[in-house]
């Protein structure tokens, strides 16, 4: 049996440490920040466990996508000194997550499919017609923002109008964010389709640079922030009432939903088969989208990361 090695956390001798669901970060000089993407996997706003190679896939895939979309909006990337590491502009995040949906799908409380199944037809301020199939295409991509959960809480859905009305983001800046988000999603749809995938939905995070420039931050079009489905056989699966073949963390979400876990209380243990299926999907998606062969970083990960950061001058 293959040895499963996961990077679940890491400590570095740097100031300003912050811990997120998936990333560890530290403050660097010159208004920069070091982000280390771990193998932790979150669902229903909880860290569920760790999937082998996940952090490396996320970090390298996000860096690739940032490069592919730099003509649409500037991003926070400064350098990628290690497979799991990113040096980024220390941007001030906007207080909303920008979710763009092209399909009627999802399994969480902020997703559109469960609410549509329950009979709701006005979702996030949009009026949807009857008769849309589960996982079927929406008439047009929809921006469905959520507030950012604090202290382990759940993200809360709001409408696009409420973002500005509530003062979360200034109106003209929010209009620019929406324009950019739809442009990024269209680029993602086109690239995914050329590689045999449907980009069903995705989440973007934006921030402002120290100079006030709008930046795309965090990650983009990764298996953590997006749903990618195989195009082959998709319409047949939908017609049969089956779920699409996914290449993201939906296997974990669906397993948790099947056993009735919705984020309340300690997360349950998941079978090895679910974790392996998740890793396999992450790696396959990376290779087919980017056209690059996945090369696992050296182990032990902490020593490799420290060595690369020393070589890059991030550590001293």
C-alpha atoms as a PDB file:
ATOM      1  CA  UNK A   1       0.000   0.000   0.000  1.00  0.00           C
ATOM      2  CA  UNK A   2       1.335   3.448  -0.932  1.00  0.00           C
ATOM      3  CA  UNK A   3       2.364   5.719   1.925  1.00  0.00           C
ATOM      4  CA  UNK A   4      -0.030   8.661   2.305  1.00  0.00           C
ATOM      5  CA  UNK A   5       1.743  11.864   3.332  1.00  0.00           C
ATOM      6  CA  UNK A   6      -0.164  15.059   3.969  1.00  0.00           C
ATOM      7  CA  UNK A   7       0.906  18.569   4.939  1.00  0.00           C
ATOM      8  CA  UNK A   8      -1.696  19.509   7.526  1.00  0.00           C
ATOM      9  CA  UNK A   9       0.098  22.454   9.164  1.00  0.00           C
ATOM     10  CA  UNK A  10       3.458  24.167   9.209  1.00  0.00           C
ATOM     11  CA  UNK A  11       5.306  26.570  11.515  1.00  0.00           C
ATOM     12  CA  UNK A  12       7.841  29.094  10.170  1.00  0.00           C
ATOM     13  CA  UNK A  13       9.989  31.655  11.940  1.00  0.00           C
ATOM     14  CA  UNK A  14       8.193  34.690  10.498  1.00  0.00           C
ATOM     15  CA  UNK A  15       5.981  37.401  12.053  1.00  0.00           C
ATOM     16  CA  UNK A  16       2.286  38.083  11.568  1.00  0.00           C
ATOM     17  CA  UNK A  17       1.120  34.464  11.360  1.00  0.00           C
ATOM     18  CA  UNK A  18      -2.494  33.835  10.364  1.00  0.00           C
ATOM     19  CA  UNK A  19      -4.321  30.523   9.928  1.00  0.00           C
ATOM     20  CA  UNK A  20      -7.176  29.936   7.499  1.00  0.00           C
ATOM     21  CA  UNK A  21      -9.143  26.839   6.607  1.00  0.00           C
ATOM     22  CA  UNK A  22      -6.539  25.739   4.073  1.00  0.00           C
ATOM     23  CA  UNK A  23      -3.686  28.261   4.151  1.00  0.00           C
ATOM     24  CA  UNK A  24      -1.112  29.454   6.640  1.00  0.00           C
ATOM     25  CA  UNK A  25       0.257  32.940   6.037  1.00  0.00           C
ATOM     26  CA  UNK A  26       2.927  35.276   7.397  1.00  0.00           C
ATOM     27  CA  UNK A  27       3.705  38.948   6.966  1.00  0.00           C
ATOM     28  CA  UNK A  28       6.756  39.832   4.860  1.00  0.00           C
ATOM     29  CA  UNK A  29       8.561  43.158   4.306  1.00  0.00           C
ATOM     30  CA  UNK A  30       7.487  45.563   1.553  1.00  0.00           C
ATOM     31  CA  UNK A  31       3.767  44.902   2.016  1.00  0.00           C
ATOM     32  CA  UNK A  32       4.020  41.294   0.932  1.00  0.00           C
ATOM     33  CA  UNK A  33       2.655  38.113   2.455  1.00  0.00           C
ATOM     34  CA  UNK A  34       3.742  34.470   2.314  1.00  0.00           C
ATOM     35  CA  UNK A  35       0.939  31.955   1.755  1.00  0.00           C
ATOM     36  CA  UNK A  36       1.505  28.228   2.298  1.00  0.00           C
ATOM     37  CA  UNK A  37      -1.274  26.009   0.965  1.00  0.00           C
ATOM     38  CA  UNK A  38      -1.702  22.881   3.086  1.00  0.00           C
ATOM     39  CA  UNK A  39      -3.505  19.644   2.263  1.00  0.00           C
ATOM     40  CA  UNK A  40      -6.401  20.509   4.578  1.00  0.00           C
ATOM     41  CA  UNK A  41      -9.836  20.183   2.972  1.00  0.00           C
ATOM     42  CA  UNK A  42     -12.880  22.117   4.112  1.00  0.00           C
ATOM     43  CA  UNK A  43     -16.566  21.522   3.441  1.00  0.00           C
ATOM     44  CA  UNK A  44     -19.662  23.004   5.042  1.00  0.00           C
ATOM     45  CA  UNK A  45     -17.322  25.676   6.490  1.00  0.00           C
ATOM     46  CA  UNK A  46     -15.370  23.081   8.488  1.00  0.00           C
ATOM     47  CA  UNK A  47     -11.955  21.498   8.018  1.00  0.00           C
ATOM     48  CA  UNK A  48     -12.807  17.845   7.361  1.00  0.00           C
ATOM     49  CA  UNK A  49      -9.351  16.313   6.965  1.00  0.00           C
ATOM     50  CA  UNK A  50      -6.434  16.291   4.532  1.00  0.00           C
ATOM     51  CA  UNK A  51      -6.011  14.944   0.983  1.00  0.00           C
ATOM     52  CA  UNK A  52      -2.560  14.019  -0.289  1.00  0.00           C
ATOM     53  CA  UNK A  53      -1.018  16.496  -2.795  1.00  0.00           C
ATOM     54  CA  UNK A  54      -4.038  18.784  -2.523  1.00  0.00           C
ATOM     55  CA  UNK A  55      -2.115  21.845  -1.352  1.00  0.00           C
ATOM     56  CA  UNK A  56       0.441  21.575  -4.126  1.00  0.00           C
ATOM     57  CA  UNK A  57      -2.242  21.135  -6.772  1.00  0.00           C
ATOM     58  CA  UNK A  58      -4.141  24.164  -5.484  1.00  0.00           C
ATOM     59  CA  UNK A  59      -1.084  26.398  -5.295  1.00  0.00           C
ATOM     60  CA  UNK A  60       0.286  25.487  -8.720  1.00  0.00           C
ATOM     61  CA  UNK A  61      -3.089  25.470 -10.459  1.00  0.00           C
ATOM     62  CA  UNK A  62      -4.042  28.856  -9.009  1.00  0.00           C
ATOM     63  CA  UNK A  63      -0.695  30.314 -10.115  1.00  0.00           C
ATOM     64  CA  UNK A  64      -1.332  28.954 -13.621  1.00  0.00           C
ATOM     65  CA  UNK A  65      -4.824  30.468 -13.769  1.00  0.00           C
ATOM     66  CA  UNK A  66      -3.621  33.823 -12.424  1.00  0.00           C
ATOM     67  CA  UNK A  67      -1.188  33.927 -15.332  1.00  0.00           C
ATOM     68  CA  UNK A  68      -3.914  32.990 -17.841  1.00  0.00           C
ATOM     69  CA  UNK A  69      -6.227  35.794 -16.688  1.00  0.00           C
ATOM     70  CA  UNK A  70      -3.828  38.665 -15.950  1.00  0.00           C
ATOM     71  CA  UNK A  71      -5.211  40.489 -18.998  1.00  0.00           C
ATOM     72  CA  UNK A  72      -8.649  40.626 -17.343  1.00  0.00           C
ATOM     73  CA  UNK A  73      -7.657  41.823 -13.863  1.00  0.00           C
ATOM     74  CA  UNK A  74      -4.449  42.235 -11.894  1.00  0.00           C
ATOM     75  CA  UNK A  75      -3.743  39.615  -9.214  1.00  0.00           C
ATOM     76  CA  UNK A  76      -1.747  39.358  -6.014  1.00  0.00           C
ATOM     77  CA  UNK A  77       1.010  37.007  -7.233  1.00  0.00           C
ATOM     78  CA  UNK A  78       4.599  38.140  -6.673  1.00  0.00           C
ATOM     79  CA  UNK A  79       6.405  34.782  -6.951  1.00  0.00           C
ATOM     80  CA  UNK A  80       5.998  31.012  -6.447  1.00  0.00           C
ATOM     81  CA  UNK A  81       9.130  29.935  -4.536  1.00  0.00           C
ATOM     82  CA  UNK A  82       7.882  26.408  -3.703  1.00  0.00           C
ATOM     83  CA  UNK A  83       5.172  24.035  -4.981  1.00  0.00           C
ATOM     84  CA  UNK A  84       3.090  24.832  -1.878  1.00  0.00           C
ATOM     85  CA  UNK A  85       4.061  28.497  -1.462  1.00  0.00           C
ATOM     86  CA  UNK A  86       3.078  31.836  -2.895  1.00  0.00           C
ATOM     87  CA  UNK A  87       4.530  35.266  -2.165  1.00  0.00           C
ATOM     88  CA  UNK A  88       1.692  37.739  -2.676  1.00  0.00           C
ATOM     89  CA  UNK A  89       0.800  41.386  -2.316  1.00  0.00           C
ATOM     90  CA  UNK A  90      -0.625  41.894   1.172  1.00  0.00           C
ATOM     91  CA  UNK A  91      -4.012  43.074  -0.094  1.00  0.00           C
ATOM     92  CA  UNK A  92      -6.991  44.180   1.980  1.00  0.00           C
ATOM     93  CA  UNK A  93      -9.730  41.627   1.185  1.00  0.00           C
ATOM     94  CA  UNK A  94     -13.208  42.792   0.249  1.00  0.00           C
ATOM     95  CA  UNK A  95     -15.796  41.469   2.747  1.00  0.00           C
ATOM     96  CA  UNK A  96     -17.744  39.360   0.227  1.00  0.00           C
ATOM     97  CA  UNK A  97     -17.075  36.150  -1.661  1.00  0.00           C
ATOM     98  CA  UNK A  98     -18.099  36.415  -5.293  1.00  0.00           C
ATOM     99  CA  UNK A  99     -19.652  33.167  -6.472  1.00  0.00           C
ATOM    100  CA  UNK A 100     -20.491  32.836 -10.169  1.00  0.00           C
ATOM    101  CA  UNK A 101     -22.858  30.031 -11.137  1.00  0.00           C
ATOM    102  CA  UNK A 102     -23.422  28.652 -14.612  1.00  0.00           C
ATOM    103  CA  UNK A 103     -25.344  25.543 -13.530  1.00  0.00           C
ATOM    104  CA  UNK A 104     -28.218  24.723 -11.173  1.00  0.00           C
ATOM    105  CA  UNK A 105     -26.207  22.616  -8.758  1.00  0.00           C
ATOM    106  CA  UNK A 106     -24.667  22.371  -5.298  1.00  0.00           C
ATOM    107  CA  UNK A 107     -25.372  20.705  -1.982  1.00  0.00           C
ATOM    108  CA  UNK A 108     -24.752  23.384   0.670  1.00  0.00           C
ATOM    109  CA  UNK A 109     -27.189  25.855   2.220  1.00  0.00           C
ATOM    110  CA  UNK A 110     -25.886  28.678  -0.008  1.00  0.00           C
ATOM    111  CA  UNK A 111     -26.210  26.634  -3.217  1.00  0.00           C
ATOM    112  CA  UNK A 112     -29.080  27.136  -5.638  1.00  0.00           C
ATOM    113  CA  UNK A 113     -30.119  23.526  -6.311  1.00  0.00           C
ATOM    114  CA  UNK A 114     -31.466  22.605  -2.840  1.00  0.00           C
ATOM    115  CA  UNK A 115     -33.474  25.817  -2.663  1.00  0.00           C
ATOM    116  CA  UNK A 116     -34.787  25.407  -6.215  1.00  0.00           C
ATOM    117  CA  UNK A 117     -35.842  21.831  -5.390  1.00  0.00           C
ATOM    118  CA  UNK A 118     -37.703  23.190  -2.358  1.00  0.00           C
ATOM    119  CA  UNK A 119     -39.780  25.404  -4.636  1.00  0.00           C
ATOM    120  CA  UNK A 120     -37.947  28.707  -4.417  1.00  0.00           C
ATOM    121  CA  UNK A 121     -37.839  30.571  -7.704  1.00  0.00           C
ATOM    122  CA  UNK A 122     -36.310  33.885  -6.579  1.00  0.00           C
ATOM    123  CA  UNK A 123     -32.723  33.163  -5.582  1.00  0.00           C
ATOM    124  CA  UNK A 124     -30.145  35.836  -4.780  1.00  0.00           C
ATOM    125  CA  UNK A 125     -32.511  38.369  -6.322  1.00  0.00           C
ATOM    126  CA  UNK A 126     -32.823  36.456  -9.617  1.00  0.00           C
ATOM    127  CA  UNK A 127     -36.137  34.999 -10.803  1.00  0.00           C
ATOM    128  CA  UNK A 128     -35.708  31.523 -12.281  1.00  0.00           C
ATOM    129  CA  UNK A 129     -38.236  29.746 -14.456  1.00  0.00           C
ATOM    130  CA  UNK A 130     -39.703  26.334 -13.707  1.00  0.00           C
ATOM    131  CA  UNK A 131     -38.335  23.270 -15.447  1.00  0.00           C
ATOM    132  CA  UNK A 132     -34.571  23.627 -15.057  1.00  0.00           C
ATOM    133  CA  UNK A 133     -33.035  20.168 -14.650  1.00  0.00           C
ATOM    134  CA  UNK A 134     -30.858  19.337 -11.680  1.00  0.00           C
ATOM    135  CA  UNK A 135     -27.314  20.347 -12.723  1.00  0.00           C
ATOM    136  CA  UNK A 136     -28.697  21.905 -15.894  1.00  0.00           C
ATOM    137  CA  UNK A 137     -27.429  25.124 -17.432  1.00  0.00           C
ATOM    138  CA  UNK A 138     -28.790  28.414 -16.099  1.00  0.00           C
ATOM    139  CA  UNK A 139     -30.039  30.907 -18.708  1.00  0.00           C
ATOM    140  CA  UNK A 140     -26.985  33.070 -18.011  1.00  0.00           C
ATOM    141  CA  UNK A 141     -24.183  32.960 -15.426  1.00  0.00           C
ATOM    142  CA  UNK A 142     -25.365  34.436 -12.139  1.00  0.00           C
ATOM    143  CA  UNK A 143     -23.316  36.288  -9.531  1.00  0.00           C
ATOM    144  CA  UNK A 144     -24.434  35.088  -6.092  1.00  0.00           C
ATOM    145  CA  UNK A 145     -22.407  36.805  -3.354  1.00  0.00           C
ATOM    146  CA  UNK A 146     -22.027  35.635   0.221  1.00  0.00           C
ATOM    147  CA  UNK A 147     -20.727  37.346   3.297  1.00  0.00           C
ATOM    148  CA  UNK A 148     -17.546  35.879   4.760  1.00  0.00           C
ATOM    149  CA  UNK A 149     -18.125  33.727   7.831  1.00  0.00           C
ATOM    150  CA  UNK A 150     -16.299  34.696  11.004  1.00  0.00           C
ATOM    151  CA  UNK A 151     -15.297  32.441  13.878  1.00  0.00           C
ATOM    152  CA  UNK A 152     -16.440  29.189  12.314  1.00  0.00           C
ATOM    153  CA  UNK A 153     -19.844  30.494  11.255  1.00  0.00           C
ATOM    154  CA  UNK A 154     -21.567  29.879   7.945  1.00  0.00           C
ATOM    155  CA  UNK A 155     -21.353  32.132   4.880  1.00  0.00           C
ATOM    156  CA  UNK A 156     -24.606  34.041   4.384  1.00  0.00           C
ATOM    157  CA  UNK A 157     -26.131  34.620   0.928  1.00  0.00           C
ATOM    158  CA  UNK A 158     -26.979  38.173  -0.107  1.00  0.00           C
ATOM    159  CA  UNK A 159     -28.030  39.795  -3.368  1.00  0.00           C
ATOM    160  CA  UNK A 160     -25.800  41.848  -5.627  1.00  0.00           C
ATOM    161  CA  UNK A 161     -27.851  44.939  -4.801  1.00  0.00           C
ATOM    162  CA  UNK A 162     -27.441  44.383  -1.058  1.00  0.00           C
ATOM    163  CA  UNK A 163     -23.634  44.356  -1.324  1.00  0.00           C
ATOM    164  CA  UNK A 164     -23.632  48.067  -2.154  1.00  0.00           C
ATOM    165  CA  UNK A 165     -26.812  48.966  -0.257  1.00  0.00           C
ATOM    166  CA  UNK A 166     -25.388  47.557   2.974  1.00  0.00           C
ATOM    167  CA  UNK A 167     -22.094  49.338   2.458  1.00  0.00           C
ATOM    168  CA  UNK A 168     -20.039  46.173   2.160  1.00  0.00           C
ATOM    169  CA  UNK A 169     -18.394  47.410  -1.052  1.00  0.00           C
ATOM    170  CA  UNK A 170     -18.635  50.879  -2.582  1.00  0.00           C
ATOM    171  CA  UNK A 171     -21.058  50.891  -5.532  1.00  0.00           C
ATOM    172  CA  UNK A 172     -18.653  51.714  -8.380  1.00  0.00           C
ATOM    173  CA  UNK A 173     -16.040  49.272  -7.089  1.00  0.00           C
ATOM    174  CA  UNK A 174     -18.694  46.576  -6.763  1.00  0.00           C
ATOM    175  CA  UNK A 175     -19.805  47.198 -10.352  1.00  0.00           C
ATOM    176  CA  UNK A 176     -16.196  46.688 -11.470  1.00  0.00           C
ATOM    177  CA  UNK A 177     -15.906  43.496  -9.397  1.00  0.00           C
ATOM    178  CA  UNK A 178     -19.020  42.074 -11.053  1.00  0.00           C
ATOM    179  CA  UNK A 179     -17.772  42.927 -14.541  1.00  0.00           C
ATOM    180  CA  UNK A 180     -14.414  41.317 -13.847  1.00  0.00           C
ATOM    181  CA  UNK A 181     -15.957  38.231 -12.223  1.00  0.00           C
ATOM    182  CA  UNK A 182     -18.104  37.501 -15.268  1.00  0.00           C
ATOM    183  CA  UNK A 183     -15.079  37.971 -17.525  1.00  0.00           C
ATOM    184  CA  UNK A 184     -13.014  35.563 -15.435  1.00  0.00           C
ATOM    185  CA  UNK A 185     -15.819  33.015 -15.447  1.00  0.00           C
ATOM    186  CA  UNK A 186     -16.192  33.200 -19.227  1.00  0.00           C
ATOM    187  CA  UNK A 187     -12.442  32.646 -19.627  1.00  0.00           C
ATOM    188  CA  UNK A 188     -12.643  29.700 -17.249  1.00  0.00           C
ATOM    189  CA  UNK A 189     -15.570  28.184 -19.146  1.00  0.00           C
ATOM    190  CA  UNK A 190     -13.704  28.438 -22.452  1.00  0.00           C
ATOM    191  CA  UNK A 191     -10.449  26.946 -21.155  1.00  0.00           C
ATOM    192  CA  UNK A 192     -12.282  24.173 -19.311  1.00  0.00           C
ATOM    193  CA  UNK A 193     -14.345  23.243 -22.367  1.00  0.00           C
ATOM    194  CA  UNK A 194     -11.213  22.981 -24.516  1.00  0.00           C
ATOM    195  CA  UNK A 195      -9.870  20.451 -21.968  1.00  0.00           C
ATOM    196  CA  UNK A 196     -13.071  18.385 -21.741  1.00  0.00           C
ATOM    197  CA  UNK A 197     -14.701  19.966 -18.708  1.00  0.00           C
ATOM    198  CA  UNK A 198     -17.649  22.114 -17.712  1.00  0.00           C
ATOM    199  CA  UNK A 199     -16.906  24.840 -15.184  1.00  0.00           C
ATOM    200  CA  UNK A 200     -20.200  24.692 -13.315  1.00  0.00           C
ATOM    201  CA  UNK A 201     -19.536  27.378 -10.736  1.00  0.00           C
ATOM    202  CA  UNK A 202     -16.675  29.052  -8.935  1.00  0.00           C
ATOM    203  CA  UNK A 203     -15.760  31.427  -6.132  1.00  0.00           C
ATOM    204  CA  UNK A 204     -13.566  34.509  -6.465  1.00  0.00           C
ATOM    205  CA  UNK A 205     -12.072  36.705  -3.787  1.00  0.00           C
ATOM    206  CA  UNK A 206     -10.951  40.247  -4.412  1.00  0.00           C
ATOM    207  CA  UNK A 207      -8.930  42.763  -2.465  1.00  0.00           C
ATOM    208  CA  UNK A 208      -7.305  46.157  -2.725  1.00  0.00           C
ATOM    209  CA  UNK A 209      -3.558  46.603  -2.993  1.00  0.00           C
ATOM    210  CA  UNK A 210      -1.785  49.079  -0.680  1.00  0.00           C
ATOM    211  CA  UNK A 211      -2.108  51.548  -3.577  1.00  0.00           C
ATOM    212  CA  UNK A 212      -5.871  50.920  -3.881  1.00  0.00           C
ATOM    213  CA  UNK A 213      -5.765  48.758  -7.036  1.00  0.00           C
ATOM    214  CA  UNK A 214      -8.370  46.007  -7.414  1.00  0.00           C
ATOM    215  CA  UNK A 215      -6.672  42.611  -7.219  1.00  0.00           C
ATOM    216  CA  UNK A 216      -7.839  39.035  -7.636  1.00  0.00           C
ATOM    217  CA  UNK A 217      -6.554  37.251  -4.521  1.00  0.00           C
ATOM    218  CA  UNK A 218      -6.629  33.925  -2.668  1.00  0.00           C
ATOM    219  CA  UNK A 219      -7.020  31.296  -5.426  1.00  0.00           C
ATOM    220  CA  UNK A 220      -8.999  30.812  -8.618  1.00  0.00           C
ATOM    221  CA  UNK A 221     -10.474  27.986 -10.695  1.00  0.00           C
ATOM    222  CA  UNK A 222      -9.101  25.268  -8.425  1.00  0.00           C
ATOM    223  CA  UNK A 223     -10.862  22.089  -7.289  1.00  0.00           C
ATOM    224  CA  UNK A 224     -11.425  23.813  -3.921  1.00  0.00           C
ATOM    225  CA  UNK A 225     -13.082  26.936  -5.256  1.00  0.00           C
ATOM    226  CA  UNK A 226     -14.845  25.500  -8.313  1.00  0.00           C
ATOM    227  CA  UNK A 227     -16.906  22.619  -9.633  1.00  0.00           C
ATOM    228  CA  UNK A 228     -15.457  20.995 -12.743  1.00  0.00           C
ATOM    229  CA  UNK A 229     -17.415  18.247 -14.512  1.00  0.00           C
ATOM    230  CA  UNK A 230     -16.461  15.922 -17.324  1.00  0.00           C
ATOM    231  CA  UNK A 231     -18.238  16.945 -20.529  1.00  0.00           C
ATOM    232  CA  UNK A 232     -18.254  13.366 -21.807  1.00  0.00           C
ATOM    233  CA  UNK A 233     -21.526  11.729 -20.793  1.00  0.00           C
ATOM    234  CA  UNK A 234     -22.749  14.790 -18.887  1.00  0.00           C
ATOM    235  CA  UNK A 235     -26.074  15.288 -20.649  1.00  0.00           C
ATOM    236  CA  UNK A 236     -26.846  11.578 -20.430  1.00  0.00           C
ATOM    237  CA  UNK A 237     -26.145  11.591 -16.688  1.00  0.00           C
ATOM    238  CA  UNK A 238     -28.395  14.627 -16.224  1.00  0.00           C
ATOM    239  CA  UNK A 239     -31.183  12.977 -18.239  1.00  0.00           C
ATOM    240  CA  UNK A 240     -30.908   9.885 -16.040  1.00  0.00           C
ATOM    241  CA  UNK A 241     -31.083  11.960 -12.867  1.00  0.00           C
ATOM    242  CA  UNK A 242     -27.474  11.165 -11.960  1.00  0.00           C
ATOM    243  CA  UNK A 243     -24.874  13.537 -10.575  1.00  0.00           C
ATOM    244  CA  UNK A 244     -22.157  14.747 -12.957  1.00  0.00           C
ATOM    245  CA  UNK A 245     -18.696  13.183 -12.882  1.00  0.00           C
ATOM    246  CA  UNK A 246     -16.859  15.758 -10.821  1.00  0.00           C
ATOM    247  CA  UNK A 247     -13.204  16.720 -10.561  1.00  0.00           C
ATOM    248  CA  UNK A 248     -13.241  18.752  -7.375  1.00  0.00           C
ATOM    249  CA  UNK A 249     -14.087  18.199  -3.717  1.00  0.00           C
ATOM    250  CA  UNK A 250     -17.702  17.286  -4.445  1.00  0.00           C
ATOM    251  CA  UNK A 251     -17.017  13.598  -3.558  1.00  0.00           C
ATOM    252  CA  UNK A 252     -16.336  14.765  -0.002  1.00  0.00           C
ATOM    253  CA  UNK A 253     -19.367  17.066   0.049  1.00  0.00           C
ATOM    254  CA  UNK A 254     -21.653  14.338  -1.270  1.00  0.00           C
ATOM    255  CA  UNK A 255     -20.351  11.710   1.162  1.00  0.00           C
ATOM    256  CA  UNK A 256     -20.929  14.067   4.077  1.00  0.00           C
ATOM    257  CA  UNK A 257     -24.410  14.900   2.812  1.00  0.00           C
ATOM    258  CA  UNK A 258     -25.224  11.192   2.461  1.00  0.00           C
ATOM    259  CA  UNK A 259     -24.381  10.538   6.112  1.00  0.00           C
ATOM    260  CA  UNK A 260     -26.299  13.632   7.212  1.00  0.00           C
ATOM    261  CA  UNK A 261     -23.376  15.867   8.174  1.00  0.00           C
ATOM    262  CA  UNK A 262     -24.009  19.547   7.467  1.00  0.00           C
ATOM    263  CA  UNK A 263     -21.171  21.150   9.377  1.00  0.00           C
ATOM    264  CA  UNK A 264     -22.590  20.925  12.873  1.00  0.00           C
ATOM    265  CA  UNK A 265     -20.360  19.302  15.478  1.00  0.00           C
ATOM    266  CA  UNK A 266     -17.021  17.560  14.954  1.00  0.00           C
ATOM    267  CA  UNK A 267     -16.447  16.304  11.392  1.00  0.00           C
ATOM    268  CA  UNK A 268     -16.684  12.532  10.904  1.00  0.00           C
ATOM    269  CA  UNK A 269     -13.898  10.315   9.608  1.00  0.00           C
ATOM    270  CA  UNK A 270     -14.038   9.662   5.876  1.00  0.00           C
ATOM    271  CA  UNK A 271     -13.153   6.370   4.183  1.00  0.00           C
ATOM    272  CA  UNK A 272      -9.760   6.131   2.517  1.00  0.00           C
ATOM    273  CA  UNK A 273     -11.552   5.607  -0.794  1.00  0.00           C
ATOM    274  CA  UNK A 274     -13.133   9.087  -0.588  1.00  0.00           C
ATOM    275  CA  UNK A 275      -9.767  10.726   0.109  1.00  0.00           C
ATOM    276  CA  UNK A 276      -8.049   8.793  -2.689  1.00  0.00           C
ATOM    277  CA  UNK A 277     -10.818   9.630  -5.145  1.00  0.00           C
ATOM    278  CA  UNK A 278     -10.424  13.295  -4.223  1.00  0.00           C
ATOM    279  CA  UNK A 279      -6.643  13.250  -4.698  1.00  0.00           C
ATOM    280  CA  UNK A 280      -6.986  11.454  -8.033  1.00  0.00           C
ATOM    281  CA  UNK A 281      -9.461  14.037  -9.280  1.00  0.00           C
ATOM    282  CA  UNK A 282      -7.319  16.974  -8.176  1.00  0.00           C
ATOM    283  CA  UNK A 283      -4.222  15.627  -9.924  1.00  0.00           C
ATOM    284  CA  UNK A 284      -6.048  14.628 -13.109  1.00  0.00           C
ATOM    285  CA  UNK A 285      -7.719  18.031 -13.370  1.00  0.00           C
ATOM    286  CA  UNK A 286      -4.394  19.802 -12.888  1.00  0.00           C
ATOM    287  CA  UNK A 287      -2.719  17.797 -15.638  1.00  0.00           C
ATOM    288  CA  UNK A 288      -5.495  18.045 -18.209  1.00  0.00           C
ATOM    289  CA  UNK A 289      -6.208  21.748 -17.672  1.00  0.00           C
ATOM    290  CA  UNK A 290      -2.620  22.986 -17.543  1.00  0.00           C
ATOM    291  CA  UNK A 291      -1.039  20.439 -19.895  1.00  0.00           C
ATOM    292  CA  UNK A 292       1.683  19.914 -17.287  1.00  0.00           C
ATOM    293  CA  UNK A 293       2.683  16.670 -15.613  1.00  0.00           C
ATOM    294  CA  UNK A 294       2.169  16.713 -11.872  1.00  0.00           C
ATOM    295  CA  UNK A 295       5.439  16.212  -9.994  1.00  0.00           C
ATOM    296  CA  UNK A 296       4.950  15.736  -6.225  1.00  0.00           C
ATOM    297  CA  UNK A 297       7.162  17.995  -4.152  1.00  0.00           C
ATOM    298  CA  UNK A 298       9.936  16.487  -2.065  1.00  0.00           C
ATOM    299  CA  UNK A 299       9.337  15.087   1.399  1.00  0.00           C
ATOM    300  CA  UNK A 300       9.523  16.000   4.271  1.00  0.00           C
ATOM    301  CA  UNK A 301       7.537  19.007   3.107  1.00  0.00           C
ATOM    302  CA  UNK A 302       8.603  21.378   5.892  1.00  0.00           C
ATOM    303  CA  UNK A 303      12.317  20.928   5.169  1.00  0.00           C
ATOM    304  CA  UNK A 304      11.726  21.346   1.429  1.00  0.00           C
ATOM    305  CA  UNK A 305       9.675  24.504   1.960  1.00  0.00           C
ATOM    306  CA  UNK A 306      12.225  26.040   4.324  1.00  0.00           C
ATOM    307  CA  UNK A 307      15.050  25.268   1.884  1.00  0.00           C
ATOM    308  CA  UNK A 308      13.212  26.853  -1.046  1.00  0.00           C
ATOM    309  CA  UNK A 309      12.228  29.896   0.998  1.00  0.00           C
ATOM    310  CA  UNK A 310      15.842  30.362   2.095  1.00  0.00           C
ATOM    311  CA  UNK A 311      16.992  30.145  -1.520  1.00  0.00           C
ATOM    312  CA  UNK A 312      14.384  32.731  -2.525  1.00  0.00           C
ATOM    313  CA  UNK A 313      15.399  35.090   0.273  1.00  0.00           C
ATOM    314  CA  UNK A 314      12.023  34.812   2.024  1.00  0.00           C
ATOM    315  CA  UNK A 315      13.654  33.226   5.076  1.00  0.00           C
ATOM    316  CA  UNK A 316      17.039  34.210   6.448  1.00  0.00           C
END
